[in-house]
């Protein structure tokens, strides 16, 4: 993307050129303004290559429902998408099925061991069995409720092995003081739950969690506890 904007190969991008390019992300001017302010650290109206990369990563965060903030830069997100014929992603047909799963193999093995220790029935754990594990993290109840909502991808009130791995991944992220996203990023959707995307890469990828069963959301098991934590965040 950088050579497209820096066609003269100067190693920097002017605000006017960057604005034209970033608008192709389909994000609102308000969000793009916030992205620019975070990337243009010293307010000089020019981005070097590193700052441009920060802007691209923040675009990707915004497109995947994450907060536009510097704390989101370390979260796993697929590359940003731009509605432009010269965008390399348009021709590669980069659907969410091609994005590597954010849960690493060695971590998955650990999460599977915890899953098996909770005596799953037919490969599923009920909310009652998952609840003590979540509460054990000592995270605020509202955060745990969101972890449950995001990890119960098929909204059946139970977690299978892959969904449980997502829940554990989000819990460990939260314990590392990383924000739990409001919607599940494509990179976190387990490959077993991904739907083939037939639209070209220019279209925003809809997370598979937004299924038709959305109208009957399962109540998070932790939601029944009173949220005593002050909303400091």
Protein backbone atom coordinates (compact mmCIF):
# COMPACT_ATOMS: atom_id res chain seq x y z
CA UNK A 1 0.00 0.00 0.00
CA UNK A 2 2.82 2.42 0.83
CA UNK A 3 4.24 2.68 -2.75
CA UNK A 4 0.70 3.42 -4.00
CA UNK A 5 0.55 6.54 -1.84
CA UNK A 6 4.25 7.44 -2.02
CA UNK A 7 4.56 7.11 -5.81
CA UNK A 8 7.55 9.48 -5.88
CA UNK A 9 9.40 7.22 -3.43
CA UNK A 10 10.12 10.04 -0.93
CA UNK A 11 9.63 7.83 2.13
CA UNK A 12 6.77 9.98 3.41
CA UNK A 13 3.09 10.58 2.74
CA UNK A 14 1.40 13.99 2.64
CA UNK A 15 -1.88 14.48 4.50
CA UNK A 16 -3.78 15.17 1.25
CA UNK A 17 -2.55 11.95 -0.42
CA UNK A 18 -3.15 9.87 2.69
CA UNK A 19 -6.69 11.25 3.06
CA UNK A 20 -7.65 10.23 -0.49
CA UNK A 21 -6.26 6.75 0.05
CA UNK A 22 -7.69 6.17 3.54
CA UNK A 23 -11.18 7.24 2.40
CA UNK A 24 -11.24 4.09 0.27
CA UNK A 25 -11.48 2.10 3.51
CA UNK A 26 -15.17 3.04 3.73
CA UNK A 27 -14.75 4.41 7.28
CA UNK A 28 -16.39 7.66 8.34
CA UNK A 29 -14.45 10.94 8.28
CA UNK A 30 -14.74 11.08 12.07
CA UNK A 31 -13.00 7.70 12.48
CA UNK A 32 -10.40 8.54 9.82
CA UNK A 33 -9.66 11.84 11.58
CA UNK A 34 -9.04 9.95 14.82
CA UNK A 35 -6.78 7.47 12.99
CA UNK A 36 -4.79 10.35 11.45
CA UNK A 37 -4.34 12.07 14.83
CA UNK A 38 -2.99 8.85 16.38
CA UNK A 39 -0.66 8.12 13.44
CA UNK A 40 0.63 11.69 12.94
CA UNK A 41 2.26 11.73 16.36
CA UNK A 42 3.97 15.11 16.14
CA UNK A 43 1.17 16.82 14.18
CA UNK A 44 3.35 17.77 11.20
CA UNK A 45 0.80 16.70 8.57
CA UNK A 46 3.16 14.11 7.07
CA UNK A 47 3.46 10.39 7.79
CA UNK A 48 6.67 8.40 7.47
CA UNK A 49 6.46 4.71 6.57
CA UNK A 50 6.17 3.54 10.19
CA UNK A 51 3.41 6.07 10.96
CA UNK A 52 1.57 5.08 7.77
CA UNK A 53 1.69 1.46 8.94
CA UNK A 54 0.14 2.55 12.25
CA UNK A 55 -2.66 4.25 10.29
CA UNK A 56 -3.24 1.08 8.21
CA UNK A 57 -3.36 -1.08 11.32
CA UNK A 58 -5.87 1.27 12.97
CA UNK A 59 -8.02 1.12 9.80
CA UNK A 60 -7.96 -2.68 10.10
CA UNK A 61 -8.93 -2.41 13.80
CA UNK A 62 -11.87 -0.12 12.96
CA UNK A 63 -13.02 -2.43 10.15
CA UNK A 64 -13.06 -5.34 12.60
CA UNK A 65 -15.04 -3.59 15.32
CA UNK A 66 -12.10 -2.84 17.60
CA UNK A 67 -11.42 0.45 19.35
CA UNK A 68 -9.40 3.00 17.37
CA UNK A 69 -6.68 3.40 19.98
CA UNK A 70 -2.97 2.68 20.31
CA UNK A 71 -3.79 -0.18 22.69
CA UNK A 72 -5.51 -2.01 19.80
CA UNK A 73 -2.31 -2.07 17.72
CA UNK A 74 -1.10 -5.29 19.33
CA UNK A 75 -4.35 -7.19 18.71
CA UNK A 76 -4.50 -9.75 15.88
CA UNK A 77 -6.40 -8.30 12.92
CA UNK A 78 -6.54 -9.18 9.22
CA UNK A 79 -5.06 -6.62 6.81
CA UNK A 80 -7.11 -3.49 6.05
CA UNK A 81 -9.40 -3.52 3.01
CA UNK A 82 -9.69 -0.69 0.46
CA UNK A 83 -12.16 -0.37 -2.40
CA UNK A 84 -9.59 0.20 -5.08
CA UNK A 85 -8.80 -1.83 -8.16
CA UNK A 86 -5.07 -1.61 -7.53
CA UNK A 87 -5.43 -3.00 -4.00
CA UNK A 88 -3.47 -6.26 -3.80
CA UNK A 89 -6.14 -7.80 -1.59
CA UNK A 90 -8.88 -7.47 -4.19
CA UNK A 91 -7.26 -9.90 -6.56
CA UNK A 92 -6.13 -12.42 -4.00
CA UNK A 93 -9.74 -12.97 -2.92
CA UNK A 94 -8.63 -12.81 0.69
CA UNK A 95 -11.67 -14.17 2.47
CA UNK A 96 -11.75 -14.72 6.18
CA UNK A 97 -11.15 -18.41 5.53
CA UNK A 98 -7.53 -17.58 4.59
CA UNK A 99 -6.70 -15.70 7.79
CA UNK A 100 -4.64 -17.79 10.23
CA UNK A 101 -6.44 -18.43 13.51
CA UNK A 102 -5.21 -16.13 16.29
CA UNK A 103 -5.18 -19.03 18.78
CA UNK A 104 -1.71 -20.61 18.60
CA UNK A 105 -1.35 -24.40 18.48
CA UNK A 106 0.50 -24.68 21.80
CA UNK A 107 -2.14 -22.51 23.52
CA UNK A 108 -4.93 -24.54 21.94
CA UNK A 109 -3.45 -27.69 23.48
CA UNK A 110 -3.58 -26.07 26.94
CA UNK A 111 -7.16 -24.87 26.45
CA UNK A 112 -8.19 -28.35 25.19
CA UNK A 113 -6.78 -29.90 28.38
CA UNK A 114 -8.90 -27.54 30.53
CA UNK A 115 -11.92 -28.25 28.30
CA UNK A 116 -11.56 -32.02 28.76
CA UNK A 117 -11.11 -31.63 32.53
CA UNK A 118 -14.57 -30.02 32.75
CA UNK A 119 -16.30 -33.22 31.55
CA UNK A 120 -17.93 -32.03 28.32
CA UNK A 121 -21.10 -33.83 27.19
CA UNK A 122 -21.20 -34.68 23.47
CA UNK A 123 -18.26 -32.34 22.96
CA UNK A 124 -20.05 -29.37 24.56
CA UNK A 125 -19.75 -27.52 27.85
CA UNK A 126 -22.80 -25.86 29.40
CA UNK A 127 -22.65 -22.34 30.79
CA UNK A 128 -22.73 -23.75 34.34
CA UNK A 129 -19.48 -25.64 33.72
CA UNK A 130 -17.71 -22.73 32.03
CA UNK A 131 -18.83 -20.13 34.59
CA UNK A 132 -16.45 -21.17 37.44
CA UNK A 133 -13.48 -21.08 35.04
CA UNK A 134 -14.39 -17.58 33.88
CA UNK A 135 -15.02 -16.32 37.42
CA UNK A 136 -11.70 -17.81 38.50
CA UNK A 137 -9.97 -15.16 36.36
CA UNK A 138 -11.24 -12.46 38.79
CA UNK A 139 -12.11 -10.28 35.78
CA UNK A 140 -15.07 -7.86 36.07
CA UNK A 141 -18.43 -9.52 35.46
CA UNK A 142 -19.29 -7.25 32.52
CA UNK A 143 -16.05 -8.26 30.77
CA UNK A 144 -16.77 -11.96 31.38
CA UNK A 145 -20.28 -11.51 30.01
CA UNK A 146 -18.80 -10.11 26.81
CA UNK A 147 -16.26 -12.97 26.63
CA UNK A 148 -19.16 -15.46 26.81
CA UNK A 149 -21.19 -13.58 24.17
CA UNK A 150 -18.23 -13.49 21.77
CA UNK A 151 -17.17 -17.10 22.28
CA UNK A 152 -20.65 -18.66 22.00
CA UNK A 153 -20.45 -18.14 18.25
CA UNK A 154 -23.42 -20.31 17.26
CA UNK A 155 -25.54 -18.92 20.14
CA UNK A 156 -26.59 -22.32 21.49
CA UNK A 157 -25.77 -21.55 25.14
CA UNK A 158 -22.92 -24.11 25.06
CA UNK A 159 -19.25 -23.95 24.10
CA UNK A 160 -17.57 -26.56 21.94
CA UNK A 161 -13.81 -27.14 21.99
CA UNK A 162 -13.02 -24.29 19.55
CA UNK A 163 -15.44 -21.82 21.16
CA UNK A 164 -13.93 -22.60 24.57
CA UNK A 165 -10.46 -21.83 23.14
CA UNK A 166 -11.78 -18.43 21.99
CA UNK A 167 -13.14 -17.77 25.50
CA UNK A 168 -9.80 -18.67 27.11
CA UNK A 169 -7.88 -16.57 24.56
CA UNK A 170 -10.06 -13.52 25.35
CA UNK A 171 -9.71 -14.08 29.12
CA UNK A 172 -5.92 -14.18 28.86
CA UNK A 173 -5.95 -11.04 26.65
CA UNK A 174 -8.06 -9.25 29.28
CA UNK A 175 -5.67 -10.37 32.04
CA UNK A 176 -2.85 -8.82 30.00
CA UNK A 177 -4.86 -5.55 30.10
CA UNK A 178 -5.82 -5.78 26.44
CA UNK A 179 -9.39 -4.63 25.70
CA UNK A 180 -11.94 -7.33 24.90
CA UNK A 181 -13.37 -6.38 21.47
CA UNK A 182 -17.05 -5.48 21.05
CA UNK A 183 -17.36 -7.91 18.13
CA UNK A 184 -15.29 -10.98 17.32
CA UNK A 185 -12.43 -10.13 14.89
CA UNK A 186 -12.25 -12.37 11.82
CA UNK A 187 -8.86 -13.71 12.95
CA UNK A 188 -10.42 -15.05 16.15
CA UNK A 189 -13.30 -16.92 14.50
CA UNK A 190 -12.29 -20.61 14.59
CA UNK A 191 -11.74 -22.09 11.12
CA UNK A 192 -14.51 -24.62 11.91
CA UNK A 193 -16.99 -21.75 12.28
CA UNK A 194 -16.02 -19.72 9.23
CA UNK A 195 -18.40 -19.42 6.33
CA UNK A 196 -16.99 -19.24 2.81
CA UNK A 197 -17.12 -15.63 1.67
CA UNK A 198 -18.04 -15.29 -1.98
CA UNK A 199 -17.86 -11.50 -2.22
CA UNK A 200 -14.59 -9.87 -3.32
CA UNK A 201 -12.21 -8.50 -0.72
CA UNK A 202 -13.58 -5.00 -1.19
CA UNK A 203 -16.64 -5.90 0.85
CA UNK A 204 -16.26 -5.78 4.63
CA UNK A 205 -16.16 -9.32 5.95
CA UNK A 206 -19.10 -9.98 8.23
CA UNK A 207 -17.99 -12.02 11.25
CA UNK A 208 -19.64 -15.42 11.25
CA UNK A 209 -20.88 -14.68 14.77
CA UNK A 210 -23.63 -12.56 13.24
CA UNK A 211 -25.74 -15.58 12.38
CA UNK A 212 -29.44 -15.86 11.72
CA UNK A 213 -29.84 -17.25 15.23
CA UNK A 214 -28.96 -13.80 16.60
CA UNK A 215 -32.61 -13.20 17.44
CA UNK A 216 -32.43 -15.74 20.27
CA UNK A 217 -29.20 -14.80 22.06
CA UNK A 218 -28.25 -17.05 24.93
CA UNK A 219 -27.91 -15.24 28.21
CA UNK A 220 -24.32 -15.24 29.40
CA UNK A 221 -24.11 -17.39 32.52
CA UNK A 222 -22.22 -14.66 34.33
CA UNK A 223 -24.82 -12.05 33.50
CA UNK A 224 -26.96 -13.09 36.44
CA UNK A 225 -24.40 -11.82 38.90
CA UNK A 226 -24.71 -8.18 39.98
CA UNK A 227 -22.07 -6.04 38.30
CA UNK A 228 -20.49 -4.33 41.30
CA UNK A 229 -17.46 -3.14 39.37
CA UNK A 230 -17.35 0.63 38.76
CA UNK A 231 -17.15 1.54 35.09
CA UNK A 232 -13.70 3.07 35.20
CA UNK A 233 -12.74 2.15 31.65
